[in-house]
All heavy atoms as atom14 arrays in JSON, in Angstrom:
{
  "sequence": "VMGTARYTAPDSPGLRWRNGLNGVRARALRD",
  "atom14_mask": [
    [1, 1, 1, 1, 1, 1, 1, 0, 0, 0, 0, 0, 0, 0],
    [1, 1, 1, 1, 1, 1, 1, 1, 0, 0, 0, 0, 0, 0],
    [1, 1, 1, 1, 0, 0, 0, 0, 0, 0, 0, 0, 0, 0],
    [1, 1, 1, 1, 1, 1, 1, 0, 0, 0, 0, 0, 0, 0],
    [1, 1, 1, 1, 1, 0, 0, 0, 0, 0, 0, 0, 0, 0],
    [1, 1, 1, 1, 1, 1, 1, 1, 1, 1, 1, 0, 0, 0],
    [1, 1, 1, 1, 1, 1, 1, 1, 1, 1, 1, 1, 0, 0],
    [1, 1, 1, 1, 1, 1, 1, 0, 0, 0, 0, 0, 0, 0],
    [1, 1, 1, 1, 1, 0, 0, 0, 0, 0, 0, 0, 0, 0],
    [1, 1, 1, 1, 1, 1, 1, 0, 0, 0, 0, 0, 0, 0],
    [1, 1, 1, 1, 1, 1, 1, 1, 0, 0, 0, 0, 0, 0],
    [1, 1, 1, 1, 1, 1, 0, 0, 0, 0, 0, 0, 0, 0],
    [1, 1, 1, 1, 1, 1, 1, 0, 0, 0, 0, 0, 0, 0],
    [1, 1, 1, 1, 0, 0, 0, 0, 0, 0, 0, 0, 0, 0],
    [1, 1, 1, 1, 1, 1, 1, 1, 0, 0, 0, 0, 0, 0],
    [1, 1, 1, 1, 1, 1, 1, 1, 1, 1, 1, 0, 0, 0],
    [1, 1, 1, 1, 1, 1, 1, 1, 1, 1, 1, 1, 1, 1],
    [1, 1, 1, 1, 1, 1, 1, 1, 1, 1, 1, 0, 0, 0],
    [1, 1, 1, 1, 1, 1, 1, 1, 0, 0, 0, 0, 0, 0],
    [1, 1, 1, 1, 0, 0, 0, 0, 0, 0, 0, 0, 0, 0],
    [1, 1, 1, 1, 1, 1, 1, 1, 0, 0, 0, 0, 0, 0],
    [1, 1, 1, 1, 1, 1, 1, 1, 0, 0, 0, 0, 0, 0],
    [1, 1, 1, 1, 0, 0, 0, 0, 0, 0, 0, 0, 0, 0],
    [1, 1, 1, 1, 1, 1, 1, 0, 0, 0, 0, 0, 0, 0],
    [1, 1, 1, 1, 1, 1, 1, 1, 1, 1, 1, 0, 0, 0],
    [1, 1, 1, 1, 1, 0, 0, 0, 0, 0, 0, 0, 0, 0],
    [1, 1, 1, 1, 1, 1, 1, 1, 1, 1, 1, 0, 0, 0],
    [1, 1, 1, 1, 1, 0, 0, 0, 0, 0, 0, 0, 0, 0],
    [1, 1, 1, 1, 1, 1, 1, 1, 0, 0, 0, 0, 0, 0],
    [1, 1, 1, 1, 1, 1, 1, 1, 1, 1, 1, 0, 0, 0],
    [1, 1, 1, 1, 1, 1, 1, 1, 0, 0, 0, 0, 0, 0]
  ],
  "atom14_positions": [
    [[0.79, -1.2, -0.04], [-0.01, 0.03, 0.02], [0.84, 1.25, 0.02], [0.3, 2.38, -0.03], [-1.01, 0.01, 1.18], [-2.0, -1.11, 1.09], [-0.27, 0.0, 2.49], [0.0, 0.0, 0.0], [0.0, 0.0, 0.0], [0.0, 0.0, 0.0], [0.0, 0.0, 0.0], [0.0, 0.0, 0.0], [0.0, 0.0, 0.0], [0.0, 0.0, 0.0]],
    [[2.17, 1.17, 0.04], [3.04, 2.33, 0.07], [2.78, 3.14, -1.19], [2.7, 2.63, -2.3], [4.54, 1.86, 0.11], [5.45, 3.04, 0.15], [5.42, 3.79, 1.81], [6.9, 3.17, 2.46], [0.0, 0.0, 0.0], [0.0, 0.0, 0.0], [0.0, 0.0, 0.0], [0.0, 0.0, 0.0], [0.0, 0.0, 0.0], [0.0, 0.0, 0.0]],
    [[2.59, 4.43, -1.0], [2.34, 5.34, -2.11], [0.9, 5.43, -2.53], [0.56, 6.1, -3.48], [0.0, 0.0, 0.0], [0.0, 0.0, 0.0], [0.0, 0.0, 0.0], [0.0, 0.0, 0.0], [0.0, 0.0, 0.0], [0.0, 0.0, 0.0], [0.0, 0.0, 0.0], [0.0, 0.0, 0.0], [0.0, 0.0, 0.0], [0.0, 0.0, 0.0]],
    [[0.01, 4.69, -1.86], [-1.39, 4.8, -2.17], [-2.11, 5.52, -1.02], [-1.59, 5.83, 0.04], [-2.1, 3.38, -2.27], [-2.08, 2.78, -0.99], [-1.29, 2.48, -3.26], [0.0, 0.0, 0.0], [0.0, 0.0, 0.0], [0.0, 0.0, 0.0], [0.0, 0.0, 0.0], [0.0, 0.0, 0.0], [0.0, 0.0, 0.0], [0.0, 0.0, 0.0]],
    [[-3.36, 5.84, -1.28], [-4.16, 6.57, -0.31], [-4.38, 5.75, 1.01], [-4.64, 6.3, 2.06], [-5.49, 6.99, -0.88], [0.0, 0.0, 0.0], [0.0, 0.0, 0.0], [0.0, 0.0, 0.0], [0.0, 0.0, 0.0], [0.0, 0.0, 0.0], [0.0, 0.0, 0.0], [0.0, 0.0, 0.0], [0.0, 0.0, 0.0], [0.0, 0.0, 0.0]],
    [[-4.31, 4.45, 0.88], [-4.46, 3.56, 2.07], [-3.3, 3.55, 3.0], [-3.38, 3.07, 4.09], [-4.76, 2.14, 1.59], [-6.09, 1.99, 0.86], [-6.35, 0.54, 0.48], [-5.25, 0.01, -0.26], [-5.07, -1.28, -0.46], [-5.82, -2.16, 0.0], [-4.03, -1.68, -1.22], [0.0, 0.0, 0.0], [0.0, 0.0, 0.0], [0.0, 0.0, 0.0]],
    [[-2.15, 4.04, 2.55], [-0.96, 3.98, 3.4], [-1.01, 5.03, 4.51], [-1.34, 6.19, 4.27], [0.28, 4.24, 2.52], [1.52, 4.24, 3.33], [2.09, 3.04, 3.8], [2.21, 5.47, 3.72], [3.24, 3.06, 4.57], [3.38, 5.43, 4.43], [3.88, 4.24, 4.85], [5.05, 4.21, 5.64], [0.0, 0.0, 0.0], [0.0, 0.0, 0.0]],
    [[-0.72, 4.59, 5.7], [-0.62, 5.48, 6.86], [0.73, 5.24, 7.49], [1.14, 4.09, 7.73], [-1.75, 5.24, 7.88], [-1.66, 3.91, 8.3], [-3.09, 5.56, 7.33], [0.0, 0.0, 0.0], [0.0, 0.0, 0.0], [0.0, 0.0, 0.0], [0.0, 0.0, 0.0], [0.0, 0.0, 0.0], [0.0, 0.0, 0.0], [0.0, 0.0, 0.0]],
    [[1.44, 6.28, 7.75], [2.81, 6.19, 8.33], [2.7, 5.68, 9.75], [1.73, 5.95, 10.43], [3.49, 7.54, 8.33], [0.0, 0.0, 0.0], [0.0, 0.0, 0.0], [0.0, 0.0, 0.0], [0.0, 0.0, 0.0], [0.0, 0.0, 0.0], [0.0, 0.0, 0.0], [0.0, 0.0, 0.0], [0.0, 0.0, 0.0], [0.0, 0.0, 0.0]],
    [[3.71, 4.9, 10.16], [3.71, 4.46, 11.52], [3.75, 5.65, 12.49], [4.35, 6.67, 12.18], [5.03, 3.7, 11.65], [5.49, 3.45, 10.24], [4.88, 4.48, 9.38], [0.0, 0.0, 0.0], [0.0, 0.0, 0.0], [0.0, 0.0, 0.0], [0.0, 0.0, 0.0], [0.0, 0.0, 0.0], [0.0, 0.0, 0.0], [0.0, 0.0, 0.0]],
    [[3.01, 5.52, 13.6], [2.92, 6.62, 14.54], [2.94, 6.04, 15.94], [2.14, 5.21, 16.27], [1.66, 7.44, 14.3], [1.62, 8.68, 15.14], [2.67, 9.22, 15.46], [0.5, 9.13, 15.44], [0.0, 0.0, 0.0], [0.0, 0.0, 0.0], [0.0, 0.0, 0.0], [0.0, 0.0, 0.0], [0.0, 0.0, 0.0], [0.0, 0.0, 0.0]],
    [[3.82, 6.55, 16.79], [3.88, 6.16, 18.16], [4.52, 7.27, 18.92], [5.19, 8.15, 18.37], [4.73, 4.88, 18.32], [6.08, 5.16, 18.04], [0.0, 0.0, 0.0], [0.0, 0.0, 0.0], [0.0, 0.0, 0.0], [0.0, 0.0, 0.0], [0.0, 0.0, 0.0], [0.0, 0.0, 0.0], [0.0, 0.0, 0.0], [0.0, 0.0, 0.0]],
    [[4.35, 7.29, 20.25], [4.99, 8.33, 21.05], [6.52, 8.35, 20.86], [7.13, 9.41, 20.8], [4.58, 8.0, 22.46], [3.37, 7.19, 22.4], [3.47, 6.44, 21.07], [0.0, 0.0, 0.0], [0.0, 0.0, 0.0], [0.0, 0.0, 0.0], [0.0, 0.0, 0.0], [0.0, 0.0, 0.0], [0.0, 0.0, 0.0], [0.0, 0.0, 0.0]],
    [[7.12, 7.15, 20.83], [8.6, 7.08, 20.62], [8.99, 7.7, 19.3], [9.98, 8.37, 19.24], [0.0, 0.0, 0.0], [0.0, 0.0, 0.0], [0.0, 0.0, 0.0], [0.0, 0.0, 0.0], [0.0, 0.0, 0.0], [0.0, 0.0, 0.0], [0.0, 0.0, 0.0], [0.0, 0.0, 0.0], [0.0, 0.0, 0.0], [0.0, 0.0, 0.0]],
    [[8.27, 7.37, 18.23], [8.54, 7.93, 16.94], [8.4, 9.44, 16.91], [9.28, 10.13, 16.35], [7.68, 7.27, 15.89], [7.96, 7.51, 14.41], [9.37, 7.01, 14.08], [6.92, 6.87, 13.57], [0.0, 0.0, 0.0], [0.0, 0.0, 0.0], [0.0, 0.0, 0.0], [0.0, 0.0, 0.0], [0.0, 0.0, 0.0], [0.0, 0.0, 0.0]],
    [[7.32, 9.91, 17.48], [7.14, 11.39, 17.53], [8.23, 12.08, 18.35], [8.77, 13.11, 17.98], [5.76, 11.72, 18.11], [4.61, 11.45, 17.17], [3.33, 12.02, 17.64], [2.92, 11.53, 18.93], [2.14, 10.45, 19.15], [1.81, 9.73, 18.08], [1.83, 10.06, 20.33], [0.0, 0.0, 0.0], [0.0, 0.0, 0.0], [0.0, 0.0, 0.0]],
    [[8.68, 11.43, 19.43], [9.77, 11.99, 20.26], [11.08, 12.04, 19.45], [11.72, 13.05, 19.43], [9.94, 11.16, 21.51], [11.13, 11.54, 22.35], [11.16, 12.58, 23.25], [12.41, 10.91, 22.36], [12.45, 12.62, 23.78], [13.26, 11.62, 23.25], [12.93, 9.81, 21.69], [14.55, 11.26, 23.53], [14.27, 9.54, 21.94], [15.01, 10.17, 22.84]],
    [[11.37, 10.92, 18.77], [12.58, 10.88, 18.02], [12.56, 11.86, 16.84], [13.58, 12.52, 16.59], [12.8, 9.43, 17.48], [14.18, 9.23, 16.93], [14.46, 7.8, 16.65], [13.59, 7.24, 15.64], [12.69, 6.25, 15.83], [12.54, 5.73, 16.99], [11.93, 5.79, 14.8], [0.0, 0.0, 0.0], [0.0, 0.0, 0.0], [0.0, 0.0, 0.0]],
    [[11.44, 12.0, 16.17], [11.3, 12.96, 15.11], [11.47, 14.42, 15.67], [12.03, 15.29, 14.97], [10.03, 12.86, 14.37], [10.04, 11.58, 13.47], [11.07, 11.04, 13.17], [8.84, 11.14, 13.13], [0.0, 0.0, 0.0], [0.0, 0.0, 0.0], [0.0, 0.0, 0.0], [0.0, 0.0, 0.0], [0.0, 0.0, 0.0], [0.0, 0.0, 0.0]],
    [[10.96, 14.66, 16.86], [11.08, 15.97, 17.44], [12.49, 16.32, 17.83], [12.89, 17.47, 17.88], [0.0, 0.0, 0.0], [0.0, 0.0, 0.0], [0.0, 0.0, 0.0], [0.0, 0.0, 0.0], [0.0, 0.0, 0.0], [0.0, 0.0, 0.0], [0.0, 0.0, 0.0], [0.0, 0.0, 0.0], [0.0, 0.0, 0.0], [0.0, 0.0, 0.0]],
    [[13.3, 15.27, 18.05], [14.69, 15.45, 18.41], [15.56, 15.82, 17.21], [16.65, 16.26, 17.36], [15.19, 14.17, 19.04], [16.25, 14.23, 20.08], [15.76, 15.09, 21.25], [16.55, 12.81, 20.64], [0.0, 0.0, 0.0], [0.0, 0.0, 0.0], [0.0, 0.0, 0.0], [0.0, 0.0, 0.0], [0.0, 0.0, 0.0], [0.0, 0.0, 0.0]],
    [[15.04, 15.6, 15.98], [15.86, 15.83, 14.79], [16.35, 17.24, 14.67], [17.54, 17.49, 14.3], [15.08, 15.45, 13.54], [14.94, 13.98, 13.4], [15.65, 13.15, 13.97], [13.99, 13.54, 12.59], [0.0, 0.0, 0.0], [0.0, 0.0, 0.0], [0.0, 0.0, 0.0], [0.0, 0.0, 0.0], [0.0, 0.0, 0.0], [0.0, 0.0, 0.0]],
    [[15.56, 18.23, 14.97], [15.94, 19.6, 14.9], [17.06, 19.97, 15.96], [17.98, 20.63, 15.61], [0.0, 0.0, 0.0], [0.0, 0.0, 0.0], [0.0, 0.0, 0.0], [0.0, 0.0, 0.0], [0.0, 0.0, 0.0], [0.0, 0.0, 0.0], [0.0, 0.0, 0.0], [0.0, 0.0, 0.0], [0.0, 0.0, 0.0], [0.0, 0.0, 0.0]],
    [[16.87, 19.45, 17.15], [17.86, 19.63, 18.24], [19.17, 18.99, 17.79], [20.27, 19.55, 17.94], [17.39, 19.03, 19.52], [18.45, 19.11, 20.6], [16.11, 19.72, 20.02], [0.0, 0.0, 0.0], [0.0, 0.0, 0.0], [0.0, 0.0, 0.0], [0.0, 0.0, 0.0], [0.0, 0.0, 0.0], [0.0, 0.0, 0.0], [0.0, 0.0, 0.0]],
    [[19.11, 17.79, 17.27], [20.31, 17.12, 16.85], [21.03, 17.85, 15.71], [22.23, 17.96, 15.71], [19.99, 15.72, 16.43], [19.7, 14.75, 17.55], [19.44, 13.34, 17.12], [19.6, 12.48, 18.26], [19.53, 11.17, 18.15], [19.34, 10.6, 17.04], [19.64, 10.42, 19.25], [0.0, 0.0, 0.0], [0.0, 0.0, 0.0], [0.0, 0.0, 0.0]],
    [[20.28, 18.31, 14.73], [20.85, 19.02, 13.58], [21.54, 20.33, 14.07], [22.67, 20.61, 13.64], [19.8, 19.36, 12.58], [0.0, 0.0, 0.0], [0.0, 0.0, 0.0], [0.0, 0.0, 0.0], [0.0, 0.0, 0.0], [0.0, 0.0, 0.0], [0.0, 0.0, 0.0], [0.0, 0.0, 0.0], [0.0, 0.0, 0.0], [0.0, 0.0, 0.0]],
    [[20.9, 21.06, 14.93], [21.54, 22.29, 15.48], [22.78, 21.99, 16.31], [23.81, 22.67, 16.17], [20.52, 23.09, 16.29], [19.53, 23.85, 15.51], [18.67, 24.8, 16.35], [17.83, 24.05, 17.28], [16.67, 23.48, 17.02], [16.2, 23.56, 15.77], [15.97, 22.8, 17.94], [0.0, 0.0, 0.0], [0.0, 0.0, 0.0], [0.0, 0.0, 0.0]],
    [[22.72, 20.88, 17.07], [23.89, 20.55, 17.9], [25.05, 20.14, 17.0], [26.23, 20.57, 17.28], [23.51, 19.38, 18.85], [0.0, 0.0, 0.0], [0.0, 0.0, 0.0], [0.0, 0.0, 0.0], [0.0, 0.0, 0.0], [0.0, 0.0, 0.0], [0.0, 0.0, 0.0], [0.0, 0.0, 0.0], [0.0, 0.0, 0.0], [0.0, 0.0, 0.0]],
    [[24.79, 19.36, 15.98], [25.87, 18.98, 15.07], [26.49, 20.15, 14.34], [27.68, 20.3, 14.23], [25.31, 17.96, 13.99], [25.27, 16.55, 14.41], [24.68, 15.67, 13.27], [26.64, 16.04, 14.77], [0.0, 0.0, 0.0], [0.0, 0.0, 0.0], [0.0, 0.0, 0.0], [0.0, 0.0, 0.0], [0.0, 0.0, 0.0], [0.0, 0.0, 0.0]],
    [[25.55, 21.06, 13.9], [26.07, 22.25, 13.2], [26.92, 23.1, 14.14], [28.07, 23.52, 13.76], [24.89, 23.1, 12.66], [25.33, 24.3, 11.85], [24.13, 25.17, 11.49], [23.43, 25.63, 12.69], [22.11, 25.52, 12.85], [21.34, 24.87, 11.97], [21.57, 25.95, 13.97], [0.0, 0.0, 0.0], [0.0, 0.0, 0.0], [0.0, 0.0, 0.0]],
    [[26.44, 23.34, 15.35], [27.23, 24.13, 16.33], [28.52, 23.46, 16.7], [29.56, 24.08, 16.85], [26.36, 24.43, 17.55], [25.24, 25.33, 17.31], [25.17, 25.96, 16.22], [24.28, 25.36, 18.16], [0.0, 0.0, 0.0], [0.0, 0.0, 0.0], [0.0, 0.0, 0.0], [0.0, 0.0, 0.0], [0.0, 0.0, 0.0], [0.0, 0.0, 0.0]]
  ]
}
């Protein structure tokens, strides 16, 4: 179903936390 309207991305509190950390990690690496 990837690429179709039926596809829904995985979602969990851990995944949302890790995705939220991406900006912090990118800024930390840059600095």
